[in-house]
PDB file of N, CA and C in Angstrom:
ATOM      1  N   MET A   1      69.701  92.924  21.753  1.00  0.00           N
ATOM      2  CA  MET A   1      69.690  91.482  21.573  1.00  0.00           C
ATOM      3  C   MET A   1      68.754  91.147  20.415  1.00  0.00           C
ATOM      4  N   PRO A   2      69.243  90.427  19.434  1.00  0.00           N
ATOM      5  CA  PRO A   2      68.387  90.053  18.306  1.00  0.00           C
ATOM      6  C   PRO A   2      67.390  88.963  18.711  1.00  0.00           C
ATOM      7  N   TRP A   3      66.359  88.811  17.899  1.00  0.00           N
ATOM      8  CA  TRP A   3      65.359  87.779  18.170  1.00  0.00           C
ATOM      9  C   TRP A   3      65.893  86.383  17.867  1.00  0.00           C
ATOM     10  N   ALA A   4      66.762  86.273  16.869  1.00  0.00           N
ATOM     11  CA  ALA A   4      67.267  84.955  16.471  1.00  0.00           C
ATOM     12  C   ALA A   4      67.993  84.291  17.640  1.00  0.00           C
ATOM     13  N   LEU A   5      67.795  82.981  17.775  1.00  0.00           N
ATOM     14  CA  LEU A   5      68.431  82.221  18.846  1.00  0.00           C
ATOM     15  C   LEU A   5      69.802  81.735  18.406  1.00  0.00           C
ATOM     16  N   SER A   6      70.760  81.823  19.295  1.00  0.00           N
ATOM     17  CA  SER A   6      72.100  81.315  19.001  1.00  0.00           C
ATOM     18  C   SER A   6      72.118  79.792  19.167  1.00  0.00           C
ATOM     19  N   LYS A   7      73.153  79.172  18.624  1.00  0.00           N
ATOM     20  CA  LYS A   7      73.295  77.719  18.771  1.00  0.00           C
ATOM     21  C   LYS A   7      73.410  77.327  20.239  1.00  0.00           C
ATOM     22  N   SER A   8      74.134  78.127  21.013  1.00  0.00           N
ATOM     23  CA  SER A   8      74.292  77.790  22.433  1.00  0.00           C
ATOM     24  C   SER A   8      72.965  77.925  23.184  1.00  0.00           C
ATOM     25  N   GLU A   9      72.153  78.916  22.815  1.00  0.00           N
ATOM     26  CA  GLU A   9      70.824  79.035  23.429  1.00  0.00           C
ATOM     27  C   GLU A   9      69.993  77.800  23.129  1.00  0.00           C
ATOM     28  N   LYS A  10      69.968  77.408  21.850  1.00  0.00           N
ATOM     29  CA  LYS A  10      69.175  76.236  21.466  1.00  0.00           C
ATOM     30  C   LYS A  10      69.634  74.991  22.208  1.00  0.00           C
ATOM     31  N   LYS A  11      70.951  74.836  22.348  1.00  0.00           N
ATOM     32  CA  LYS A  11      71.469  73.673  23.076  1.00  0.00           C
ATOM     33  C   LYS A  11      70.992  73.701  24.526  1.00  0.00           C
ATOM     34  N   ASN A  12      71.067  74.860  25.157  1.00  0.00           N
ATOM     35  CA  ASN A  12      70.591  74.983  26.539  1.00  0.00           C
ATOM     36  C   ASN A  12      69.105  74.677  26.640  1.00  0.00           C
ATOM     37  N   TYR A  13      68.319  75.195  25.707  1.00  0.00           N
ATOM     38  CA  TYR A  13      66.880  74.947  25.719  1.00  0.00           C
ATOM     39  C   TYR A  13      66.587  73.478  25.438  1.00  0.00           C
ATOM     40  N   ASP A  14      67.396  72.847  24.579  1.00  0.00           N
ATOM     41  CA  ASP A  14      67.251  71.404  24.333  1.00  0.00           C
ATOM     42  C   ASP A  14      67.437  70.624  25.632  1.00  0.00           C
ATOM     43  N   ASP A  15      68.458  70.987  26.390  1.00  0.00           N
ATOM     44  CA  ASP A  15      68.736  70.298  27.655  1.00  0.00           C
ATOM     45  C   ASP A  15      67.570  70.449  28.630  1.00  0.00           C
ATOM     46  N   ILE A  16      67.032  71.652  28.724  1.00  0.00           N
ATOM     47  CA  ILE A  16      65.882  71.883  29.605  1.00  0.00           C
ATOM     48  C   ILE A  16      64.687  71.073  29.116  1.00  0.00           C
ATOM     49  N   PHE A  17      64.438  71.107  27.801  1.00  0.00           N
ATOM     50  CA  PHE A  17      63.307  70.375  27.228  1.00  0.00           C
ATOM     51  C   PHE A  17      63.420  68.886  27.554  1.00  0.00           C
ATOM     52  N   ARG A  18      64.592  68.311  27.308  1.00  0.00           N
ATOM     53  CA  ARG A  18      64.783  66.873  27.556  1.00  0.00           C
ATOM     54  C   ARG A  18      64.570  66.526  29.030  1.00  0.00           C
ATOM     55  N   SER A  19      64.979  67.419  29.915  1.00  0.00           N
ATOM     56  CA  SER A  19      64.805  67.132  31.341  1.00  0.00           C
ATOM     57  C   SER A  19      63.328  67.119  31.743  1.00  0.00           C
ATOM     58  N   TRP A  20      62.484  67.824  31.008  1.00  0.00           N
ATOM     59  CA  TRP A  20      61.050  67.861  31.312  1.00  0.00           C
ATOM     60  C   TRP A  20      60.238  66.893  30.461  1.00  0.00           C
ATOM     61  N   ASP A  21      60.818  66.381  29.385  1.00  0.00           N
ATOM     62  CA  ASP A  21      60.145  65.382  28.539  1.00  0.00           C
ATOM     63  C   ASP A  21      60.576  63.987  29.001  1.00  0.00           C
ATOM     64  N   ALA A  22      60.181  63.635  30.220  1.00  0.00           N
ATOM     65  CA  ALA A  22      60.629  62.393  30.852  1.00  0.00           C
ATOM     66  C   ALA A  22      60.222  61.148  30.069  1.00  0.00           C
ATOM     67  N   GLN A  23      59.109  61.212  29.362  1.00  0.00           N
ATOM     68  CA  GLN A  23      58.617  60.060  28.599  1.00  0.00           C
ATOM     69  C   GLN A  23      59.221  59.989  27.197  1.00  0.00           C
ATOM     70  N   ASN A  24      60.051  60.961  26.849  1.00  0.00           N
ATOM     71  CA  ASN A  24      60.660  61.042  25.508  1.00  0.00           C
ATOM     72  C   ASN A  24      59.619  61.017  24.392  1.00  0.00           C
ATOM     73  N   THR A  25      58.555  61.799  24.568  1.00  0.00           N
ATOM     74  CA  THR A  25      57.499  61.868  23.553  1.00  0.00           C
ATOM     75  C   THR A  25      57.808  62.888  22.469  1.00  0.00           C
ATOM     76  N   GLY A  26      58.764  63.775  22.738  1.00  0.00           N
ATOM     77  CA  GLY A  26      59.058  64.854  21.803  1.00  0.00           C
ATOM     78  C   GLY A  26      58.179  66.070  22.028  1.00  0.00           C
ATOM     79  N   PHE A  27      57.395  66.041  23.106  1.00  0.00           N
ATOM     80  CA  PHE A  27      56.492  67.142  23.439  1.00  0.00           C
ATOM     81  C   PHE A  27      56.487  67.357  24.945  1.00  0.00           C
ATOM     82  N   ILE A  28      56.166  68.590  25.341  1.00  0.00           N
ATOM     83  CA  ILE A  28      55.816  68.839  26.735  1.00  0.00           C
ATOM     84  C   ILE A  28      54.411  69.429  26.745  1.00  0.00           C
ATOM     85  N   SER A  29      53.649  69.023  27.731  1.00  0.00           N
ATOM     86  CA  SER A  29      52.255  69.461  27.839  1.00  0.00           C
ATOM     87  C   SER A  29      52.175  70.917  28.277  1.00  0.00           C
ATOM     88  N   GLY A  30      50.994  71.474  28.122  1.00  0.00           N
ATOM     89  CA  GLY A  30      50.761  72.832  28.594  1.00  0.00           C
ATOM     90  C   GLY A  30      50.981  72.942  30.093  1.00  0.00           C
ATOM     91  N   HIS A  31      50.573  71.917  30.827  1.00  0.00           N
ATOM     92  CA  HIS A  31      50.754  71.902  32.281  1.00  0.00           C
ATOM     93  C   HIS A  31      52.239  71.935  32.638  1.00  0.00           C
ATOM     94  N   THR A  32      53.026  71.114  31.952  1.00  0.00           N
ATOM     95  CA  THR A  32      54.472  71.087  32.197  1.00  0.00           C
ATOM     96  C   THR A  32      55.103  72.413  31.801  1.00  0.00           C
ATOM     97  N   ALA A  33      54.692  72.942  30.657  1.00  0.00           N
ATOM     98  CA  ALA A  33      55.233  74.224  30.194  1.00  0.00           C
ATOM     99  C   ALA A  33      54.956  75.323  31.215  1.00  0.00           C
ATOM    100  N   LEU A  34      53.768  75.320  31.784  1.00  0.00           N
ATOM    101  CA  LEU A  34      53.432  76.328  32.793  1.00  0.00           C
ATOM    102  C   LEU A  34      54.372  76.224  33.992  1.00  0.00           C
ATOM    103  N   GLU A  35      54.706  74.996  34.366  1.00  0.00           N
ATOM    104  CA  GLU A  35      55.633  74.794  35.482  1.00  0.00           C
ATOM    105  C   GLU A  35      57.027  75.334  35.140  1.00  0.00           C
ATOM    106  N   VAL A  36      57.504  75.007  33.930  1.00  0.00           N
ATOM    107  CA  VAL A  36      58.828  75.468  33.499  1.00  0.00           C
ATOM    108  C   VAL A  36      58.832  76.988  33.343  1.00  0.00           C
ATOM    109  N   PHE A  37      57.872  77.506  32.589  1.00  0.00           N
ATOM    110  CA  PHE A  37      57.849  78.933  32.279  1.00  0.00           C
ATOM    111  C   PHE A  37      57.505  79.773  33.503  1.00  0.00           C
ATOM    112  N   GLY A  38      56.718  79.205  34.413  1.00  0.00           N
ATOM    113  CA  GLY A  38      56.352  79.921  35.626  1.00  0.00           C
ATOM    114  C   GLY A  38      57.554  80.281  36.479  1.00  0.00           C
ATOM    115  N   ALA A  39      58.633  79.502  36.344  1.00  0.00           N
ATOM    116  CA  ALA A  39      59.859  79.783  37.095  1.00  0.00           C
ATOM    117  C   ALA A  39      60.512  81.092  36.660  1.00  0.00           C
ATOM    118  N   SER A  40      60.067  81.635  35.532  1.00  0.00           N
ATOM    119  CA  SER A  40      60.645  82.886  35.024  1.00  0.00           C
ATOM    120  C   SER A  40      60.212  84.100  35.829  1.00  0.00           C
ATOM    121  N   GLY A  41      59.112  83.967  36.552  1.00  0.00           N
ATOM    122  CA  GLY A  41      58.591  85.104  37.294  1.00  0.00           C
ATOM    123  C   GLY A  41      57.692  86.007  36.469  1.00  0.00           C
ATOM    124  N   LEU A  42      57.464  85.656  35.217  1.00  0.00           N
ATOM    125  CA  LEU A  42      56.573  86.458  34.373  1.00  0.00           C
ATOM    126  C   LEU A  42      55.133  86.336  34.851  1.00  0.00           C
ATOM    127  N   PRO A  43      54.349  87.383  34.723  1.00  0.00           N
ATOM    128  CA  PRO A  43      52.923  87.299  35.043  1.00  0.00           C
ATOM    129  C   PRO A  43      52.226  86.283  34.134  1.00  0.00           C
ATOM    130  N   LYS A  44      51.164  85.682  34.643  1.00  0.00           N
ATOM    131  CA  LYS A  44      50.440  84.662  33.873  1.00  0.00           C
ATOM    132  C   LYS A  44      49.937  85.196  32.533  1.00  0.00           C
ATOM    133  N   ASP A  45      49.532  86.461  32.485  1.00  0.00           N
ATOM    134  CA  ASP A  45      49.072  87.039  31.212  1.00  0.00           C
ATOM    135  C   ASP A  45      50.187  87.031  30.172  1.00  0.00           C
ATOM    136  N   ASP A  46      51.400  87.364  30.599  1.00  0.00           N
ATOM    137  CA  ASP A  46      52.537  87.343  29.676  1.00  0.00           C
ATOM    138  C   ASP A  46      52.858  85.920  29.242  1.00  0.00           C
ATOM    139  N   LEU A  47      52.799  84.980  30.182  1.00  0.00           N
ATOM    140  CA  LEU A  47      53.053  83.581  29.831  1.00  0.00           C
ATOM    141  C   LEU A  47      52.002  83.069  28.848  1.00  0.00           C
ATOM    142  N   ALA A  48      50.763  83.504  29.012  1.00  0.00           N
ATOM    143  CA  ALA A  48      49.702  83.102  28.080  1.00  0.00           C
ATOM    144  C   ALA A  48      49.983  83.647  26.682  1.00  0.00           C
ATOM    145  N   ARG A  49      50.452  84.883  26.593  1.00  0.00           N
ATOM    146  CA  ARG A  49      50.793  85.461  25.280  1.00  0.00           C
ATOM    147  C   ARG A  49      51.948  84.695  24.649  1.00  0.00           C
ATOM    148  N   ILE A  50      52.950  84.357  25.455  1.00  0.00           N
ATOM    149  CA  ILE A  50      54.093  83.595  24.946  1.00  0.00           C
ATOM    150  C   ILE A  50      53.632  82.221  24.477  1.00  0.00           C
ATOM    151  N   TRP A  51      52.766  81.571  25.248  1.00  0.00           N
ATOM    152  CA  TRP A  51      52.238  80.259  24.847  1.00  0.00           C
ATOM    153  C   TRP A  51      51.529  80.361  23.497  1.00  0.00           C
ATOM    154  N   THR A  52      50.706  81.374  23.332  1.00  0.00           N
ATOM    155  CA  THR A  52      49.967  81.554  22.078  1.00  0.00           C
ATOM    156  C   THR A  52      50.917  81.726  20.902  1.00  0.00           C
ATOM    157  N   LEU A  53      51.975  82.490  21.082  1.00  0.00           N
ATOM    158  CA  LEU A  53      52.954  82.691  20.011  1.00  0.00           C
ATOM    159  C   LEU A  53      53.744  81.419  19.727  1.00  0.00           C
ATOM    160  N   ALA A  54      54.105  80.683  20.766  1.00  0.00           N
ATOM    161  CA  ALA A  54      54.969  79.510  20.602  1.00  0.00           C
ATOM    162  C   ALA A  54      54.219  78.264  20.154  1.00  0.00           C
ATOM    163  N   ASN A  55      52.962  78.126  20.541  1.00  0.00           N
ATOM    164  CA  ASN A  55      52.171  76.929  20.228  1.00  0.00           C
ATOM    165  C   ASN A  55      51.644  77.042  18.796  1.00  0.00           C
ATOM    166  N   ILE A  56      52.565  76.996  17.859  1.00  0.00           N
ATOM    167  CA  ILE A  56      52.290  77.295  16.458  1.00  0.00           C
ATOM    168  C   ILE A  56      51.248  76.364  15.857  1.00  0.00           C
ATOM    169  N   ASP A  57      51.318  75.085  16.184  1.00  0.00           N
ATOM    170  CA  ASP A  57      50.368  74.114  15.633  1.00  0.00           C
ATOM    171  C   ASP A  57      49.072  74.048  16.424  1.00  0.00           C
ATOM    172  N   ASP A  58      48.974  74.813  17.518  1.00  0.00           N
ATOM    173  CA  ASP A  58      47.771  74.909  18.345  1.00  0.00           C
ATOM    174  C   ASP A  58      47.255  73.533  18.765  1.00  0.00           C
ATOM    175  N   ARG A  59      48.176  72.679  19.237  1.00  0.00           N
ATOM    176  CA  ARG A  59      47.778  71.329  19.633  1.00  0.00           C
ATOM    177  C   ARG A  59      47.800  71.137  21.148  1.00  0.00           C
ATOM    178  N   GLY A  60      48.103  72.209  21.891  1.00  0.00           N
ATOM    179  CA  GLY A  60      48.078  72.119  23.342  1.00  0.00           C
ATOM    180  C   GLY A  60      49.327  71.538  23.966  1.00  0.00           C
ATOM    181  N   LYS A  61      50.357  71.339  23.174  1.00  0.00           N
ATOM    182  CA  LYS A  61      51.647  70.873  23.674  1.00  0.00           C
ATOM    183  C   LYS A  61      52.719  71.426  22.750  1.00  0.00           C
ATOM    184  N   LEU A  62      53.936  71.510  23.262  1.00  0.00           N
ATOM    185  CA  LEU A  62      55.032  72.102  22.494  1.00  0.00           C
ATOM    186  C   LEU A  62      56.054  71.048  22.098  1.00  0.00           C
ATOM    187  N   ASN A  63      56.491  71.104  20.825  1.00  0.00           N
ATOM    188  CA  ASN A  63      57.645  70.304  20.430  1.00  0.00           C
ATOM    189  C   ASN A  63      58.897  71.111  20.775  1.00  0.00           C
ATOM    190  N   VAL A  64      60.054  70.550  20.515  1.00  0.00           N
ATOM    191  CA  VAL A  64      61.292  71.211  20.935  1.00  0.00           C
ATOM    192  C   VAL A  64      61.488  72.557  20.229  1.00  0.00           C
ATOM    193  N   GLN A  65      61.098  72.657  18.955  1.00  0.00           N
ATOM    194  CA  GLN A  65      61.248  73.929  18.243  1.00  0.00           C
ATOM    195  C   GLN A  65      60.331  74.999  18.826  1.00  0.00           C
ATOM    196  N   GLU A  66      59.115  74.623  19.159  1.00  0.00           N
ATOM    197  CA  GLU A  66      58.190  75.574  19.775  1.00  0.00           C
ATOM    198  C   GLU A  66      58.676  75.965  21.179  1.00  0.00           C
ATOM    199  N   PHE A  67      59.274  75.017  21.872  1.00  0.00           N
ATOM    200  CA  PHE A  67      59.860  75.297  23.184  1.00  0.00           C
ATOM    201  C   PHE A  67      60.986  76.318  23.048  1.00  0.00           C
ATOM    202  N   HIS A  68      61.800  76.181  22.001  1.00  0.00           N
ATOM    203  CA  HIS A  68      62.848  77.177  21.729  1.00  0.00           C
ATOM    204  C   HIS A  68      62.231  78.568  21.618  1.00  0.00           C
ATOM    205  N   VAL A  69      61.138  78.667  20.858  1.00  0.00           N
ATOM    206  CA  VAL A  69      60.460  79.954  20.658  1.00  0.00           C
ATOM    207  C   VAL A  69      60.036  80.538  22.006  1.00  0.00           C
ATOM    208  N   ALA A  70      59.356  79.716  22.801  1.00  0.00           N
ATOM    209  CA  ALA A  70      58.865  80.196  24.096  1.00  0.00           C
ATOM    210  C   ALA A  70      60.013  80.638  24.995  1.00  0.00           C
ATOM    211  N   MET A  71      61.043  79.829  25.081  1.00  0.00           N
ATOM    212  CA  MET A  71      62.170  80.172  25.945  1.00  0.00           C
ATOM    213  C   MET A  71      62.886  81.427  25.449  1.00  0.00           C
ATOM    214  N   GLY A  72      63.004  81.567  24.131  1.00  0.00           N
ATOM    215  CA  GLY A  72      63.618  82.772  23.576  1.00  0.00           C
ATOM    216  C   GLY A  72      62.827  84.022  23.925  1.00  0.00           C
ATOM    217  N   LEU A  73      61.510  83.921  23.848  1.00  0.00           N
ATOM    218  CA  LEU A  73      60.659  85.058  24.211  1.00  0.00           C
ATOM    219  C   LEU A  73      60.769  85.370  25.702  1.00  0.00           C
ATOM    220  N   ILE A  74      60.767  84.323  26.512  1.00  0.00           N
ATOM    221  CA  ILE A  74      60.889  84.528  27.958  1.00  0.00           C
ATOM    222  C   ILE A  74      62.226  85.181  28.281  1.00  0.00           C
ATOM    223  N   TYR A  75      63.293  84.655  27.689  1.00  0.00           N
ATOM    224  CA  TYR A  75      64.622  85.179  27.980  1.00  0.00           C
ATOM    225  C   TYR A  75      64.750  86.648  27.582  1.00  0.00           C
ATOM    226  N   ARG A  76      64.090  87.022  26.508  1.00  0.00           N
ATOM    227  CA  ARG A  76      64.204  88.388  26.004  1.00  0.00           C
ATOM    228  C   ARG A  76      63.181  89.348  26.618  1.00  0.00           C
ATOM    229  N   SER A  77      62.358  88.834  27.494  1.00  0.00           N
ATOM    230  CA  SER A  77      61.305  89.663  28.074  1.00  0.00           C
ATOM    231  C   SER A  77      61.866  90.678  29.063  1.00  0.00           C
ATOM    232  N   THR A  78      60.982  91.447  29.615  1.00  0.00           N
ATOM    233  CA  THR A  78      61.386  92.529  30.517  1.00  0.00           C
ATOM    234  C   THR A  78      61.661  92.063  31.939  1.00  0.00           C
ATOM    235  N   TYR A  79      61.465  90.792  32.222  1.00  0.00           N
ATOM    236  CA  TYR A  79      61.644  90.281  33.579  1.00  0.00           C
ATOM    237  C   TYR A  79      62.897  89.422  33.668  1.00  0.00           C
ATOM    238  N   LEU A  80      63.487  89.366  34.835  1.00  0.00           N
ATOM    239  CA  LEU A  80      64.643  88.505  35.054  1.00  0.00           C
ATOM    240  C   LEU A  80      64.187  87.063  35.227  1.00  0.00           C
ATOM    241  N   LEU A  81      64.994  86.151  34.744  1.00  0.00           N
ATOM    242  CA  LEU A  81      64.711  84.737  34.938  1.00  0.00           C
ATOM    243  C   LEU A  81      65.004  84.362  36.382  1.00  0.00           C
ATOM    244  N   SER A  82      64.273  83.376  36.861  1.00  0.00           N
ATOM    245  CA  SER A  82      64.537  82.908  38.224  1.00  0.00           C
ATOM    246  C   SER A  82      65.875  82.184  38.282  1.00  0.00           C
ATOM    247  N   SER A  83      66.352  81.958  39.459  1.00  0.00           N
ATOM    248  CA  SER A  83      67.641  81.277  39.601  1.00  0.00           C
ATOM    249  C   SER A  83      67.573  79.858  39.060  1.00  0.00           C
ATOM    250  N   TRP A  84      66.390  79.217  39.103  1.00  0.00           N
ATOM    251  CA  TRP A  84      66.294  77.848  38.578  1.00  0.00           C
ATOM    252  C   TRP A  84      66.624  77.823  37.096  1.00  0.00           C
ATOM    253  N   ILE A  85      65.991  78.685  36.318  1.00  0.00           N
ATOM    254  CA  ILE A  85      66.253  78.689  34.883  1.00  0.00           C
ATOM    255  C   ILE A  85      67.663  79.197  34.619  1.00  0.00           C
ATOM    256  N   SER A  86      68.075  80.220  35.338  1.00  0.00           N
ATOM    257  CA  SER A  86      69.413  80.775  35.124  1.00  0.00           C
ATOM    258  C   SER A  86      70.498  79.733  35.324  1.00  0.00           C
ATOM    259  N   THR A  87      70.315  78.838  36.271  1.00  0.00           N
ATOM    260  CA  THR A  87      71.336  77.816  36.505  1.00  0.00           C
ATOM    261  C   THR A  87      71.384  76.795  35.385  1.00  0.00           C
ATOM    262  N   HIS A  88      70.349  76.727  34.582  1.00  0.00           N
ATOM    263  CA  HIS A  88      70.315  75.781  33.471  1.00  0.00           C
ATOM    264  C   HIS A  88      70.779  76.401  32.160  1.00  0.00           C
ATOM    265  N   LEU A  89      71.082  77.677  32.177  1.00  0.00           N
ATOM    266  CA  LEU A  89      71.526  78.368  30.973  1.00  0.00           C
ATOM    267  C   LEU A  89      72.970  78.801  31.143  1.00  0.00           C
ATOM    268  N   THR A  90      73.741  78.716  30.068  1.00  0.00           N
ATOM    269  CA  THR A  90      75.118  79.194  30.146  1.00  0.00           C
ATOM    270  C   THR A  90      75.198  80.671  29.788  1.00  0.00           C
ATOM    271  N   VAL A  91      74.092  81.241  29.291  1.00  0.00           N
ATOM    272  CA  VAL A  91      74.077  82.668  29.006  1.00  0.00           C
ATOM    273  C   VAL A  91      73.864  83.420  30.311  1.00  0.00           C
ATOM    274  N   ASN A  92      74.322  84.624  30.371  1.00  0.00           N
ATOM    275  CA  ASN A  92      74.253  85.425  31.578  1.00  0.00           C
ATOM    276  C   ASN A  92      72.908  86.130  31.655  1.00  0.00           C
ATOM    277  N   ALA A  93      72.146  85.887  32.710  1.00  0.00           N
ATOM    278  CA  ALA A  93      70.827  86.496  32.855  1.00  0.00           C
ATOM    279  C   ALA A  93      70.901  88.012  32.934  1.00  0.00           C
ATOM    280  N   SER A  94      72.040  88.561  33.325  1.00  0.00           N
ATOM    281  CA  SER A  94      72.153  90.019  33.386  1.00  0.00           C
ATOM    282  C   SER A  94      72.202  90.628  31.992  1.00  0.00           C
ATOM    283  N   GLY A  95      72.326  89.783  30.962  1.00  0.00           N
ATOM    284  CA  GLY A  95      72.356  90.270  29.590  1.00  0.00           C
ATOM    285  C   GLY A  95      70.978  90.448  28.985  1.00  0.00           C
ATOM    286  N   LEU A  96      69.935  90.306  29.781  1.00  0.00           N
ATOM    287  CA  LEU A  96      68.586  90.479  29.251  1.00  0.00           C
ATOM    288  C   LEU A  96      68.420  91.877  28.693  1.00  0.00           C
ATOM    289  N   ASN A  97      67.774  91.955  27.546  1.00  0.00           N
ATOM    290  CA  ASN A  97      67.640  93.229  26.859  1.00  0.00           C
ATOM    291  C   ASN A  97      66.350  93.949  27.213  1.00  0.00           C
ATOM    292  N   GLY A  98      65.437  93.297  27.879  1.00  0.00           N
ATOM    293  CA  GLY A  98      64.196  93.949  28.241  1.00  0.00           C
ATOM    294  C   GLY A  98      63.267  94.172  27.069  1.00  0.00           C
ATOM    295  N   MET A  99      63.298  93.292  26.089  1.00  0.00           N
ATOM    296  CA  MET A  99      62.421  93.428  24.926  1.00  0.00           C
ATOM    297  C   MET A  99      60.992  93.078  25.338  1.00  0.00           C
ATOM    298  N   PRO A 100      60.018  93.841  24.875  1.00  0.00           N
ATOM    299  CA  PRO A 100      58.631  93.500  25.177  1.00  0.00           C
ATOM    300  C   PRO A 100      58.210  92.253  24.401  1.00  0.00           C
ATOM    301  N   ILE A 101      57.214  91.565  24.907  1.00  0.00           N
ATOM    302  CA  ILE A 101      56.680  90.405  24.201  1.00  0.00           C
ATOM    303  C   ILE A 101      55.982  90.923  22.948  1.00  0.00           C
ATOM    304  N   PRO A 102      56.344  90.413  21.781  1.00  0.00           N
ATOM    305  CA  PRO A 102      55.751  90.936  20.542  1.00  0.00           C
ATOM    306  C   PRO A 102      54.300  90.487  20.371  1.00  0.00           C
ATOM    307  N   ASP A 103      53.562  91.212  19.536  1.00  0.00           N
ATOM    308  CA  ASP A 103      52.190  90.825  19.211  1.00  0.00           C
ATOM    309  C   ASP A 103      52.164  89.680  18.209  1.00  0.00           C
ATOM    310  N   GLN A 104      53.178  89.642  17.352  1.00  0.00           N
ATOM    311  CA  GLN A 104      53.316  88.563  16.370  1.00  0.00           C
ATOM    312  C   GLN A 104      54.708  87.978  16.506  1.00  0.00           C
ATOM    313  N   LEU A 105      54.834  86.725  16.142  1.00  0.00           N
ATOM    314  CA  LEU A 105      56.127  86.057  16.242  1.00  0.00           C
ATOM    315  C   LEU A 105      57.103  86.662  15.246  1.00  0.00           C
ATOM    316  N   PRO A 106      58.253  87.142  15.716  1.00  0.00           N
ATOM    317  CA  PRO A 106      59.258  87.675  14.792  1.00  0.00           C
ATOM    318  C   PRO A 106      59.705  86.579  13.816  1.00  0.00           C
ATOM    319  N   PRO A 107      59.931  86.916  12.547  1.00  0.00           N
ATOM    320  CA  PRO A 107      60.321  85.902  11.558  1.00  0.00           C
ATOM    321  C   PRO A 107      61.520  85.066  11.993  1.00  0.00           C
ATOM    322  N   GLU A 108      62.462  85.677  12.725  1.00  0.00           N
ATOM    323  CA  GLU A 108      63.655  84.950  13.167  1.00  0.00           C
ATOM    324  C   GLU A 108      63.331  83.830  14.150  1.00  0.00           C
ATOM    325  N   LEU A 109      62.173  83.900  14.804  1.00  0.00           N
ATOM    326  CA  LEU A 109      61.799  82.882  15.783  1.00  0.00           C
ATOM    327  C   LEU A 109      60.865  81.820  15.217  1.00  0.00           C
ATOM    328  N   ILE A 110      60.407  81.992  13.988  1.00  0.00           N
ATOM    329  CA  ILE A 110      59.519  80.983  13.404  1.00  0.00           C
ATOM    330  C   ILE A 110      60.329  79.714  13.161  1.00  0.00           C
ATOM    331  N   PRO A 111      59.912  78.587  13.769  1.00  0.00           N
ATOM    332  CA  PRO A 111      60.667  77.344  13.598  1.00  0.00           C
ATOM    333  C   PRO A 111      60.693  76.889  12.142  1.00  0.00           C
ATOM    334  N   PRO A 112      61.767  76.206  11.737  1.00  0.00           N
ATOM    335  CA  PRO A 112      61.854  75.713  10.353  1.00  0.00           C
ATOM    336  C   PRO A 112      60.641  74.882   9.944  1.00  0.00           C
ATOM    337  N   SER A 113      60.124  74.057  10.842  1.00  0.00           N
ATOM    338  CA  SER A 113      58.966  73.222  10.496  1.00  0.00           C
ATOM    339  C   SER A 113      57.742  74.076  10.185  1.00  0.00           C
ATOM    340  N   ALA A 114      57.576  75.198  10.867  1.00  0.00           N
ATOM    341  CA  ALA A 114      56.445  76.088  10.604  1.00  0.00           C
ATOM    342  C   ALA A 114      56.655  76.860   9.311  1.00  0.00           C
ATOM    343  N   ARG A 115      57.898  77.210   9.000  1.00  0.00           N
ATOM    344  CA  ARG A 115      58.187  77.882   7.726  1.00  0.00           C
ATOM    345  C   ARG A 115      57.856  76.961   6.569  1.00  0.00           C
ATOM    346  N   ASP A 116      58.174  75.688   6.716  1.00  0.00           N
ATOM    347  CA  ASP A 116      57.875  74.715   5.673  1.00  0.00           C
ATOM    348  C   ASP A 116      56.370  74.576   5.472  1.00  0.00           C
ATOM    349  N   LEU A 117      55.593  74.650   6.561  1.00  0.00           N
ATOM    350  CA  LEU A 117      54.137  74.584   6.451  1.00  0.00           C
ATOM    351  C   LEU A 117      53.597  75.768   5.670  1.00  0.00           C
ATOM    352  N   ASP A 118      54.132  76.958   5.942  1.00  0.00           N
ATOM    353  CA  ASP A 118      53.687  78.151   5.224  1.00  0.00           C
ATOM    354  C   ASP A 118      53.963  78.031   3.732  1.00  0.00           C
ATOM    355  N   LYS A 119      55.112  77.485   3.374  1.00  0.00           N
ATOM    356  CA  LYS A 119      55.455  77.324   1.963  1.00  0.00           C
ATOM    357  C   LYS A 119      54.523  76.336   1.278  1.00  0.00           C
ATOM    358  N   SER A 120      54.127  75.273   1.977  1.00  0.00           N
ATOM    359  CA  SER A 120      53.265  74.264   1.366  1.00  0.00           C
ATOM    360  C   SER A 120      51.842  74.774   1.171  1.00  0.00           C
ATOM    361  N   LYS A 121      51.436  75.788   1.945  1.00  0.00           N
ATOM    362  CA  LYS A 121      50.103  76.376   1.793  1.00  0.00           C
ATOM    363  C   LYS A 121      50.036  77.292   0.581  1.00  0.00           C
ATOM    364  N   SER A 122      51.192  77.794   0.134  1.00  0.00           N
ATOM    365  CA  SER A 122      51.235  78.748  -0.984  1.00  0.00           C
ATOM    366  C   SER A 122      51.045  78.052  -2.305  1.00  0.00           C
TER     367      SER A 122
END
């Protein structure tokens, strides 16, 4: 399974994000993210690593692109998703590839907004 997210994955993650962004702020808090991501069954240490990789702007909350990153990492991890998350995805949970959580964010998962920031720093 490649690191890059498919359009259908992003759409599914958008739907999950919108369901948890009840105030329509464009962000979900760390507390909310822990609730969503905790349903994956991943150990807290792994979730903390995923949060660190996904929280690109280090502001303590995730926008939808950062949420895509986190969900992509969770989906590709070595653990099966819980039935709650699986029911919200049209992809088959049995297709998990068992990829380890990377130490650095793979280039394919860097959100476009973060790529633009890197270019402006150069």
